[in-house]
């Protein structure tokens, strides 16, 4: 995905933050040629969305 594709996809989006955040972040990783969270950490030990917190 290049910057023009990213803008074309996300500029017209009217989704709420909660429903779009993960897809937006994944597309941002792809645009920057960085691994997605699932590719960088398939087990979710280091990187994941909305991990619960324990005390």
Protein backbone atom coordinates (compact mmCIF):
# COMPACT_ATOMS: atom_id res chain seq x y z
CA UNK A 1 0.00 0.00 0.00
CA UNK A 2 1.40 3.39 -0.91
CA UNK A 3 0.50 6.74 0.71
CA UNK A 4 -1.99 7.62 -2.06
CA UNK A 5 -3.79 4.28 -1.58
CA UNK A 6 -3.86 4.82 2.18
CA UNK A 7 -5.36 8.30 1.85
CA UNK A 8 -7.85 7.16 -0.78
CA UNK A 9 -9.04 4.39 1.51
CA UNK A 10 -9.20 6.29 4.78
CA UNK A 11 -10.12 9.86 3.82
CA UNK A 12 -13.79 9.06 3.13
CA UNK A 13 -14.10 6.74 6.15
CA UNK A 14 -16.70 7.77 8.70
CA UNK A 15 -16.25 4.78 10.98
CA UNK A 16 -16.02 5.25 14.71
CA UNK A 17 -12.53 5.05 16.17
CA UNK A 18 -13.17 1.75 17.93
CA UNK A 19 -14.39 0.02 14.78
CA UNK A 20 -11.61 1.34 12.52
CA UNK A 21 -8.52 1.51 14.72
CA UNK A 22 -7.15 -1.98 14.11
CA UNK A 23 -7.63 -1.91 10.34
CA UNK A 24 -6.21 1.62 10.17
CA UNK A 25 -3.11 0.60 12.15
CA UNK A 26 -2.61 -2.52 10.00
CA UNK A 27 -2.85 -0.45 6.81
CA UNK A 28 -0.40 2.06 8.29
CA UNK A 29 2.08 -0.77 8.94
CA UNK A 30 1.68 -1.97 5.36
CA UNK A 31 2.14 1.54 3.96
CA UNK A 32 5.37 1.93 5.96
CA UNK A 33 6.56 -1.57 4.97
CA UNK A 34 6.57 -2.64 8.60
CA UNK A 35 5.28 -5.99 9.82
CA UNK A 36 1.73 -6.06 11.09
CA UNK A 37 1.19 -6.99 14.72
CA UNK A 38 0.23 -10.55 13.82
CA UNK A 39 3.30 -10.93 11.61
CA UNK A 40 5.67 -9.37 14.16
CA UNK A 41 4.32 -11.35 17.10
CA UNK A 42 2.05 -14.26 16.12
CA UNK A 43 1.52 -15.29 19.76
CA UNK A 44 0.57 -11.80 20.95
CA UNK A 45 3.10 -11.89 23.79
CA UNK A 46 4.66 -8.52 22.92
CA UNK A 47 2.27 -6.78 20.53
CA UNK A 48 -1.49 -6.98 20.41
CA UNK A 49 -4.58 -4.82 20.37
CA UNK A 50 -6.44 -4.18 23.60
CA UNK A 51 -4.59 -6.53 25.90
CA UNK A 52 -6.15 -6.85 29.32
CA UNK A 53 -4.21 -5.51 32.29
CA UNK A 54 -3.60 -7.53 35.39
CA UNK A 55 -2.37 -6.19 38.71
